[in-house]
PDB file of N, CA and C in Angstrom:
ATOM      1  N   MET A   1     -34.753  -7.150  16.274  1.00  0.00           N
ATOM      2  CA  MET A   1     -33.595  -6.886  15.460  1.00  0.00           C
ATOM      3  C   MET A   1     -32.511  -7.882  15.860  1.00  0.00           C
ATOM      4  N   THR A   2     -31.873  -8.478  14.866  1.00  0.00           N
ATOM      5  CA  THR A   2     -30.784  -9.409  15.138  1.00  0.00           C
ATOM      6  C   THR A   2     -29.499  -8.858  14.540  1.00  0.00           C
ATOM      7  N   PHE A   3     -28.402  -9.147  15.205  1.00  0.00           N
ATOM      8  CA  PHE A   3     -27.102  -8.681  14.749  1.00  0.00           C
ATOM      9  C   PHE A   3     -26.275  -9.871  14.310  1.00  0.00           C
ATOM     10  N   GLY A   4     -25.462  -9.648  13.284  1.00  0.00           N
ATOM     11  CA  GLY A   4     -24.587 -10.699  12.785  1.00  0.00           C
ATOM     12  C   GLY A   4     -23.379 -10.871  13.684  1.00  0.00           C
ATOM     13  N   PRO A   5     -22.568 -11.878  13.386  1.00  0.00           N
ATOM     14  CA  PRO A   5     -21.414 -12.174  14.250  1.00  0.00           C
ATOM     15  C   PRO A   5     -20.345 -11.078  14.227  1.00  0.00           C
ATOM     16  N   ASN A   6     -20.316 -10.247  13.190  1.00  0.00           N
ATOM     17  CA  ASN A   6     -19.285  -9.220  13.101  1.00  0.00           C
ATOM     18  C   ASN A   6     -19.739  -7.866  13.630  1.00  0.00           C
ATOM     19  N   HIS A   7     -20.943  -7.803  14.163  1.00  0.00           N
ATOM     20  CA  HIS A   7     -21.471  -6.519  14.631  1.00  0.00           C
ATOM     21  C   HIS A   7     -20.618  -5.927  15.754  1.00  0.00           C
ATOM     22  N   ALA A   8     -20.252  -6.724  16.716  1.00  0.00           N
ATOM     23  CA  ALA A   8     -19.455  -6.228  17.845  1.00  0.00           C
ATOM     24  C   ALA A   8     -18.080  -5.746  17.366  1.00  0.00           C
ATOM     25  N   TYR A   9     -17.488  -6.469  16.423  1.00  0.00           N
ATOM     26  CA  TYR A   9     -16.187  -6.061  15.883  1.00  0.00           C
ATOM     27  C   TYR A   9     -16.306  -4.714  15.174  1.00  0.00           C
ATOM     28  N   GLY A  10     -17.329  -4.560  14.340  1.00  0.00           N
ATOM     29  CA  GLY A  10     -17.525  -3.307  13.627  1.00  0.00           C
ATOM     30  C   GLY A  10     -17.767  -2.144  14.571  1.00  0.00           C
ATOM     31  N   ARG A  11     -18.538  -2.393  15.597  1.00  0.00           N
ATOM     32  CA  ARG A  11     -18.822  -1.344  16.582  1.00  0.00           C
ATOM     33  C   ARG A  11     -17.538  -0.936  17.311  1.00  0.00           C
ATOM     34  N   ALA A  12     -16.707  -1.912  17.678  1.00  0.00           N
ATOM     35  CA  ALA A  12     -15.446  -1.615  18.363  1.00  0.00           C
ATOM     36  C   ALA A  12     -14.514  -0.809  17.457  1.00  0.00           C
ATOM     37  N   GLN A  13     -14.500  -1.150  16.170  1.00  0.00           N
ATOM     38  CA  GLN A  13     -13.647  -0.415  15.237  1.00  0.00           C
ATOM     39  C   GLN A  13     -14.130   1.016  15.060  1.00  0.00           C
ATOM     40  N   ARG A  14     -15.424   1.219  14.997  1.00  0.00           N
ATOM     41  CA  ARG A  14     -15.960   2.580  14.879  1.00  0.00           C
ATOM     42  C   ARG A  14     -15.637   3.403  16.120  1.00  0.00           C
ATOM     43  N   GLU A  15     -15.712   2.788  17.293  1.00  0.00           N
ATOM     44  CA  GLU A  15     -15.359   3.485  18.525  1.00  0.00           C
ATOM     45  C   GLU A  15     -13.870   3.812  18.567  1.00  0.00           C
ATOM     46  N   ARG A  16     -13.047   2.881  18.086  1.00  0.00           N
ATOM     47  CA  ARG A  16     -11.610   3.108  18.039  1.00  0.00           C
ATOM     48  C   ARG A  16     -11.285   4.276  17.116  1.00  0.00           C
ATOM     49  N   TRP A  17     -12.013   4.380  16.022  1.00  0.00           N
ATOM     50  CA  TRP A  17     -11.760   5.431  15.043  1.00  0.00           C
ATOM     51  C   TRP A  17     -12.038   6.818  15.622  1.00  0.00           C
ATOM     52  N   GLU A  18     -12.906   6.895  16.603  1.00  0.00           N
ATOM     53  CA  GLU A  18     -13.286   8.185  17.168  1.00  0.00           C
ATOM     54  C   GLU A  18     -12.221   8.782  18.081  1.00  0.00           C
ATOM     55  N   THR A  19     -11.171   8.041  18.401  1.00  0.00           N
ATOM     56  CA  THR A  19     -10.125   8.596  19.265  1.00  0.00           C
ATOM     57  C   THR A  19      -9.242   9.552  18.462  1.00  0.00           C
ATOM     58  N   GLU A  20      -8.746  10.559  19.125  1.00  0.00           N
ATOM     59  CA  GLU A  20      -7.925  11.571  18.450  1.00  0.00           C
ATOM     60  C   GLU A  20      -6.588  11.007  17.974  1.00  0.00           C
ATOM     61  N   GLU A  21      -6.003  10.071  18.722  1.00  0.00           N
ATOM     62  CA  GLU A  21      -4.698   9.532  18.301  1.00  0.00           C
ATOM     63  C   GLU A  21      -4.828   8.705  17.031  1.00  0.00           C
ATOM     64  N   THR A  22      -5.935   7.987  16.852  1.00  0.00           N
ATOM     65  CA  THR A  22      -6.152   7.228  15.626  1.00  0.00           C
ATOM     66  C   THR A  22      -6.333   8.171  14.443  1.00  0.00           C
ATOM     67  N   LYS A  23      -7.105   9.230  14.649  1.00  0.00           N
ATOM     68  CA  LYS A  23      -7.308  10.199  13.576  1.00  0.00           C
ATOM     69  C   LYS A  23      -5.995  10.895  13.205  1.00  0.00           C
ATOM     70  N   ALA A  24      -5.173  11.223  14.201  1.00  0.00           N
ATOM     71  CA  ALA A  24      -3.893  11.875  13.929  1.00  0.00           C
ATOM     72  C   ALA A  24      -2.949  10.941  13.170  1.00  0.00           C
ATOM     73  N   ALA A  25      -2.929   9.674  13.563  1.00  0.00           N
ATOM     74  CA  ALA A  25      -2.081   8.708  12.852  1.00  0.00           C
ATOM     75  C   ALA A  25      -2.517   8.558  11.406  1.00  0.00           C
ATOM     76  N   TYR A  26      -3.817   8.533  11.168  1.00  0.00           N
ATOM     77  CA  TYR A  26      -4.345   8.423   9.808  1.00  0.00           C
ATOM     78  C   TYR A  26      -3.970   9.654   8.982  1.00  0.00           C
ATOM     79  N   ARG A  27      -4.107  10.836   9.566  1.00  0.00           N
ATOM     80  CA  ARG A  27      -3.768  12.063   8.839  1.00  0.00           C
ATOM     81  C   ARG A  27      -2.275  12.127   8.522  1.00  0.00           C
ATOM     82  N   ALA A  28      -1.447  11.525   9.356  1.00  0.00           N
ATOM     83  CA  ALA A  28      -0.003  11.543   9.121  1.00  0.00           C
ATOM     84  C   ALA A  28       0.401  10.606   7.996  1.00  0.00           C
ATOM     85  N   ILE A  29      -0.296   9.488   7.837  1.00  0.00           N
ATOM     86  CA  ILE A  29       0.089   8.471   6.852  1.00  0.00           C
ATOM     87  C   ILE A  29      -0.604   8.674   5.509  1.00  0.00           C
ATOM     88  N   ARG A  30      -1.829   9.123   5.520  1.00  0.00           N
ATOM     89  CA  ARG A  30      -2.662   9.180   4.323  1.00  0.00           C
ATOM     90  C   ARG A  30      -2.026   9.922   3.147  1.00  0.00           C
ATOM     91  N   PRO A  31      -1.453  11.126   3.324  1.00  0.00           N
ATOM     92  CA  PRO A  31      -0.912  11.822   2.156  1.00  0.00           C
ATOM     93  C   PRO A  31       0.199  11.051   1.463  1.00  0.00           C
ATOM     94  N   GLY A  32       1.065  10.397   2.226  1.00  0.00           N
ATOM     95  CA  GLY A  32       2.154   9.635   1.617  1.00  0.00           C
ATOM     96  C   GLY A  32       1.662   8.449   0.817  1.00  0.00           C
ATOM     97  N   ILE A  33       0.689   7.752   1.344  1.00  0.00           N
ATOM     98  CA  ILE A  33       0.153   6.581   0.652  1.00  0.00           C
ATOM     99  C   ILE A  33      -0.558   6.997  -0.621  1.00  0.00           C
ATOM    100  N   GLU A  34      -1.373   8.037  -0.544  1.00  0.00           N
ATOM    101  CA  GLU A  34      -2.090   8.473  -1.737  1.00  0.00           C
ATOM    102  C   GLU A  34      -1.131   9.015  -2.784  1.00  0.00           C
ATOM    103  N   ARG A  35      -0.042   9.632  -2.363  1.00  0.00           N
ATOM    104  CA  ARG A  35       0.949  10.123  -3.314  1.00  0.00           C
ATOM    105  C   ARG A  35       1.599   8.959  -4.058  1.00  0.00           C
ATOM    106  N   ILE A  36       1.913   7.899  -3.329  1.00  0.00           N
ATOM    107  CA  ILE A  36       2.522   6.729  -3.962  1.00  0.00           C
ATOM    108  C   ILE A  36       1.563   6.115  -4.967  1.00  0.00           C
ATOM    109  N   HIS A  37       0.299   5.995  -4.601  1.00  0.00           N
ATOM    110  CA  HIS A  37      -0.680   5.432  -5.535  1.00  0.00           C
ATOM    111  C   HIS A  37      -0.808   6.307  -6.769  1.00  0.00           C
ATOM    112  N   ALA A  38      -0.823   7.614  -6.594  1.00  0.00           N
ATOM    113  CA  ALA A  38      -0.935   8.517  -7.738  1.00  0.00           C
ATOM    114  C   ALA A  38       0.290   8.415  -8.636  1.00  0.00           C
ATOM    115  N   GLN A  39       1.467   8.304  -8.056  1.00  0.00           N
ATOM    116  CA  GLN A  39       2.678   8.181  -8.866  1.00  0.00           C
ATOM    117  C   GLN A  39       2.710   6.865  -9.619  1.00  0.00           C
ATOM    118  N   MET A  40       2.282   5.776  -8.972  1.00  0.00           N
ATOM    119  CA  MET A  40       2.225   4.489  -9.678  1.00  0.00           C
ATOM    120  C   MET A  40       1.243   4.569 -10.838  1.00  0.00           C
ATOM    121  N   LYS A  41       0.142   5.235 -10.606  1.00  0.00           N
ATOM    122  CA  LYS A  41      -0.871   5.372 -11.644  1.00  0.00           C
ATOM    123  C   LYS A  41      -0.320   6.168 -12.822  1.00  0.00           C
ATOM    124  N   ARG A  42       0.376   7.257 -12.512  1.00  0.00           N
ATOM    125  CA  ARG A  42       0.871   8.142 -13.557  1.00  0.00           C
ATOM    126  C   ARG A  42       2.129   7.596 -14.233  1.00  0.00           C
ATOM    127  N   LYS A  43       3.108   7.181 -13.461  1.00  0.00           N
ATOM    128  CA  LYS A  43       4.405   6.817 -14.020  1.00  0.00           C
ATOM    129  C   LYS A  43       4.469   5.390 -14.551  1.00  0.00           C
ATOM    130  N   LEU A  44       3.694   4.479 -13.955  1.00  0.00           N
ATOM    131  CA  LEU A  44       3.727   3.086 -14.405  1.00  0.00           C
ATOM    132  C   LEU A  44       2.462   2.709 -15.162  1.00  0.00           C
ATOM    133  N   ASN A  45       1.642   3.728 -15.496  1.00  0.00           N
ATOM    134  CA  ASN A  45       0.403   3.513 -16.234  1.00  0.00           C
ATOM    135  C   ASN A  45      -0.470   2.490 -15.521  1.00  0.00           C
ATOM    136  N   GLY A  46      -0.619   2.671 -14.216  1.00  0.00           N
ATOM    137  CA  GLY A  46      -1.344   1.710 -13.412  1.00  0.00           C
ATOM    138  C   GLY A  46      -2.828   1.970 -13.304  1.00  0.00           C
ATOM    139  N   SER A  47      -3.381   2.805 -14.185  1.00  0.00           N
ATOM    140  CA  SER A  47      -4.800   3.128 -14.071  1.00  0.00           C
ATOM    141  C   SER A  47      -5.687   2.256 -14.943  1.00  0.00           C
ATOM    142  N   LYS A  48      -5.093   1.417 -15.769  1.00  0.00           N
ATOM    143  CA  LYS A  48      -5.894   0.623 -16.693  1.00  0.00           C
ATOM    144  C   LYS A  48      -5.766  -0.860 -16.395  1.00  0.00           C
ATOM    145  N   LEU A  49      -6.863  -1.549 -16.507  1.00  0.00           N
ATOM    146  CA  LEU A  49      -6.827  -3.005 -16.387  1.00  0.00           C
ATOM    147  C   LEU A  49      -6.297  -3.577 -17.691  1.00  0.00           C
ATOM    148  N   ARG A  50      -5.350  -4.456 -17.592  1.00  0.00           N
ATOM    149  CA  ARG A  50      -4.708  -5.007 -18.776  1.00  0.00           C
ATOM    150  C   ARG A  50      -5.285  -6.365 -19.187  1.00  0.00           C
ATOM    151  N   TYR A  51      -5.879  -7.052 -18.260  1.00  0.00           N
ATOM    152  CA  TYR A  51      -6.280  -8.427 -18.505  1.00  0.00           C
ATOM    153  C   TYR A  51      -7.735  -8.639 -18.124  1.00  0.00           C
ATOM    154  N   ARG A  52      -8.275  -9.748 -18.530  1.00  0.00           N
ATOM    155  CA  ARG A  52      -9.609 -10.147 -18.096  1.00  0.00           C
ATOM    156  C   ARG A  52      -9.456 -11.058 -16.889  1.00  0.00           C
ATOM    157  N   GLY A  53     -10.245 -10.802 -15.883  1.00  0.00           N
ATOM    158  CA  GLY A  53     -10.221 -11.655 -14.701  1.00  0.00           C
ATOM    159  C   GLY A  53      -9.479 -11.016 -13.534  1.00  0.00           C
ATOM    160  N   VAL A  54      -9.947 -11.336 -12.364  1.00  0.00           N
ATOM    161  CA  VAL A  54      -9.397 -10.756 -11.143  1.00  0.00           C
ATOM    162  C   VAL A  54      -7.985 -11.266 -10.881  1.00  0.00           C
ATOM    163  N   ALA A  55      -7.744 -12.542 -11.085  1.00  0.00           N
ATOM    164  CA  ALA A  55      -6.440 -13.132 -10.740  1.00  0.00           C
ATOM    165  C   ALA A  55      -5.314 -12.498 -11.556  1.00  0.00           C
ATOM    166  N   LYS A  56      -5.514 -12.332 -12.854  1.00  0.00           N
ATOM    167  CA  LYS A  56      -4.460 -11.759 -13.693  1.00  0.00           C
ATOM    168  C   LYS A  56      -4.225 -10.289 -13.368  1.00  0.00           C
ATOM    169  N   ASN A  57      -5.293  -9.540 -13.116  1.00  0.00           N
ATOM    170  CA  ASN A  57      -5.124  -8.127 -12.781  1.00  0.00           C
ATOM    171  C   ASN A  57      -4.509  -7.955 -11.400  1.00  0.00           C
ATOM    172  N   THR A  58      -4.816  -8.841 -10.471  1.00  0.00           N
ATOM    173  CA  THR A  58      -4.186  -8.799  -9.155  1.00  0.00           C
ATOM    174  C   THR A  58      -2.686  -9.023  -9.295  1.00  0.00           C
ATOM    175  N   MET A  59      -2.305 -10.000 -10.096  1.00  0.00           N
ATOM    176  CA  MET A  59      -0.886 -10.273 -10.326  1.00  0.00           C
ATOM    177  C   MET A  59      -0.209  -9.075 -10.995  1.00  0.00           C
ATOM    178  N   HIS A  60      -0.910  -8.434 -11.918  1.00  0.00           N
ATOM    179  CA  HIS A  60      -0.355  -7.263 -12.602  1.00  0.00           C
ATOM    180  C   HIS A  60      -0.075  -6.133 -11.605  1.00  0.00           C
ATOM    181  N   TYR A  61      -1.014  -5.853 -10.698  1.00  0.00           N
ATOM    182  CA  TYR A  61      -0.807  -4.786  -9.730  1.00  0.00           C
ATOM    183  C   TYR A  61       0.234  -5.158  -8.687  1.00  0.00           C
ATOM    184  N   LEU A  62       0.344  -6.421  -8.343  1.00  0.00           N
ATOM    185  CA  LEU A  62       1.423  -6.844  -7.453  1.00  0.00           C
ATOM    186  C   LEU A  62       2.777  -6.623  -8.120  1.00  0.00           C
ATOM    187  N   LEU A  63       2.848  -6.897  -9.407  1.00  0.00           N
ATOM    188  CA  LEU A  63       4.081  -6.660 -10.153  1.00  0.00           C
ATOM    189  C   LEU A  63       4.394  -5.166 -10.223  1.00  0.00           C
ATOM    190  N   LEU A  64       3.380  -4.332 -10.442  1.00  0.00           N
ATOM    191  CA  LEU A  64       3.607  -2.882 -10.443  1.00  0.00           C
ATOM    192  C   LEU A  64       4.151  -2.413  -9.096  1.00  0.00           C
ATOM    193  N   GLY A  65       3.586  -2.931  -8.010  1.00  0.00           N
ATOM    194  CA  GLY A  65       4.076  -2.569  -6.681  1.00  0.00           C
ATOM    195  C   GLY A  65       5.504  -3.015  -6.454  1.00  0.00           C
ATOM    196  N   THR A  66       5.838  -4.190  -6.950  1.00  0.00           N
ATOM    197  CA  THR A  66       7.208  -4.702  -6.832  1.00  0.00           C
ATOM    198  C   THR A  66       8.178  -3.826  -7.601  1.00  0.00           C
ATOM    199  N   VAL A  67       7.805  -3.454  -8.812  1.00  0.00           N
ATOM    200  CA  VAL A  67       8.655  -2.578  -9.624  1.00  0.00           C
ATOM    201  C   VAL A  67       8.850  -1.239  -8.926  1.00  0.00           C
ATOM    202  N   TRP A  68       7.765  -0.704  -8.378  1.00  0.00           N
ATOM    203  CA  TRP A  68       7.869   0.584  -7.691  1.00  0.00           C
ATOM    204  C   TRP A  68       8.808   0.485  -6.489  1.00  0.00           C
ATOM    205  N   ASN A  69       8.678  -0.579  -5.707  1.00  0.00           N
ATOM    206  CA  ASN A  69       9.547  -0.753  -4.534  1.00  0.00           C
ATOM    207  C   ASN A  69      11.009  -0.900  -4.946  1.00  0.00           C
ATOM    208  N   LEU A  70      11.271  -1.612  -6.039  1.00  0.00           N
ATOM    209  CA  LEU A  70      12.649  -1.743  -6.526  1.00  0.00           C
ATOM    210  C   LEU A  70      13.202  -0.397  -6.963  1.00  0.00           C
ATOM    211  N   LYS A  71      12.381   0.415  -7.622  1.00  0.00           N
ATOM    212  CA  LYS A  71      12.826   1.749  -8.023  1.00  0.00           C
ATOM    213  C   LYS A  71      13.208   2.576  -6.807  1.00  0.00           C
ATOM    214  N   VAL A  72      12.407   2.495  -5.754  1.00  0.00           N
ATOM    215  CA  VAL A  72      12.693   3.250  -4.531  1.00  0.00           C
ATOM    216  C   VAL A  72      13.983   2.745  -3.888  1.00  0.00           C
ATOM    217  N   LEU A  73      14.153   1.427  -3.832  1.00  0.00           N
ATOM    218  CA  LEU A  73      15.372   0.868  -3.229  1.00  0.00           C
ATOM    219  C   LEU A  73      16.614   1.252  -4.022  1.00  0.00           C
ATOM    220  N   LEU A  74      16.519   1.214  -5.342  1.00  0.00           N
ATOM    221  CA  LEU A  74      17.671   1.598  -6.160  1.00  0.00           C
ATOM    222  C   LEU A  74      17.971   3.085  -6.025  1.00  0.00           C
ATOM    223  N   ARG A  75      16.949   3.894  -5.887  1.00  0.00           N
ATOM    224  CA  ARG A  75      17.139   5.331  -5.675  1.00  0.00           C
ATOM    225  C   ARG A  75      17.828   5.580  -4.337  1.00  0.00           C
ATOM    226  N   ASN A  76      17.626   4.691  -3.378  1.00  0.00           N
ATOM    227  CA  ASN A  76      18.248   4.815  -2.060  1.00  0.00           C
ATOM    228  C   ASN A  76      19.546   4.031  -1.956  1.00  0.00           C
ATOM    229  N   ASN A  77      20.195   3.813  -3.092  1.00  0.00           N
ATOM    230  CA  ASN A  77      21.522   3.190  -3.164  1.00  0.00           C
ATOM    231  C   ASN A  77      21.549   1.747  -2.686  1.00  0.00           C
ATOM    232  N   LEU A  78      20.637   0.946  -3.153  1.00  0.00           N
ATOM    233  CA  LEU A  78      20.677  -0.481  -2.859  1.00  0.00           C
ATOM    234  C   LEU A  78      21.867  -1.085  -3.586  1.00  0.00           C
ATOM    235  N   THR A  79      22.729  -1.761  -2.862  1.00  0.00           N
ATOM    236  CA  THR A  79      23.906  -2.380  -3.464  1.00  0.00           C
ATOM    237  C   THR A  79      24.079  -3.791  -2.908  1.00  0.00           C
ATOM    238  N   ARG A  80      24.988  -4.517  -3.516  1.00  0.00           N
ATOM    239  CA  ARG A  80      25.268  -5.881  -3.074  1.00  0.00           C
ATOM    240  C   ARG A  80      26.674  -5.913  -2.489  1.00  0.00           C
ATOM    241  N   GLU A  81      26.782  -6.352  -1.236  1.00  0.00           N
ATOM    242  CA  GLU A  81      28.078  -6.459  -0.571  1.00  0.00           C
ATOM    243  C   GLU A  81      28.195  -7.832   0.071  1.00  0.00           C
ATOM    244  N   ASP A  82      29.228  -8.534  -0.264  1.00  0.00           N
ATOM    245  CA  ASP A  82      29.502  -9.864   0.299  1.00  0.00           C
ATOM    246  C   ASP A  82      28.318 -10.812   0.146  1.00  0.00           C
ATOM    247  N   GLY A  83      27.653 -10.746  -0.988  1.00  0.00           N
ATOM    248  CA  GLY A  83      26.525 -11.640  -1.234  1.00  0.00           C
ATOM    249  C   GLY A  83      25.225 -11.227  -0.598  1.00  0.00           C
ATOM    250  N   ASN A  84      25.170 -10.074   0.043  1.00  0.00           N
ATOM    251  CA  ASN A  84      23.946  -9.597   0.695  1.00  0.00           C
ATOM    252  C   ASN A  84      23.547  -8.249   0.109  1.00  0.00           C
ATOM    253  N   TRP A  85      22.247  -8.014   0.063  1.00  0.00           N
ATOM    254  CA  TRP A  85      21.743  -6.729  -0.397  1.00  0.00           C
ATOM    255  C   TRP A  85      21.714  -5.771   0.789  1.00  0.00           C
ATOM    256  N   VAL A  86      22.302  -4.573   0.590  1.00  0.00           N
ATOM    257  CA  VAL A  86      22.333  -3.559   1.639  1.00  0.00           C
ATOM    258  C   VAL A  86      22.018  -2.201   1.028  1.00  0.00           C
ATOM    259  N   ILE A  87      21.476  -1.328   1.844  1.00  0.00           N
ATOM    260  CA  ILE A  87      21.276   0.050   1.419  1.00  0.00           C
ATOM    261  C   ILE A  87      22.468   0.834   1.933  1.00  0.00           C
ATOM    262  N   ALA A  88      23.264   1.343   0.995  1.00  0.00           N
ATOM    263  CA  ALA A  88      24.479   2.054   1.380  1.00  0.00           C
ATOM    264  C   ALA A  88      24.120   3.371   2.047  1.00  0.00           C
ATOM    265  N   SER A  89      24.856   3.711   3.079  1.00  0.00           N
ATOM    266  CA  SER A  89      24.586   4.971   3.772  1.00  0.00           C
ATOM    267  C   SER A  89      25.590   6.029   3.400  1.00  0.00           C
TER     268      SER A  89
END
């Protein structure tokens, strides 16, 4: 049996995943990330491919992510002061 060059890396990652702190960190982050993806899908109609080809669809989803981030920043009172963008507290 022969192993490829990435076998040791994959094995190390699987061992890392078995630690309780890694699992706890994943459980803490996962719901928030999946919620954001679901909201982008629902609110920005991000569930459909609009174009033919990987490059155009990648650009489309990057644009959706940018729009979503701007919406979040504006909701958190993003303003311009002295020529700089700041989140007002």
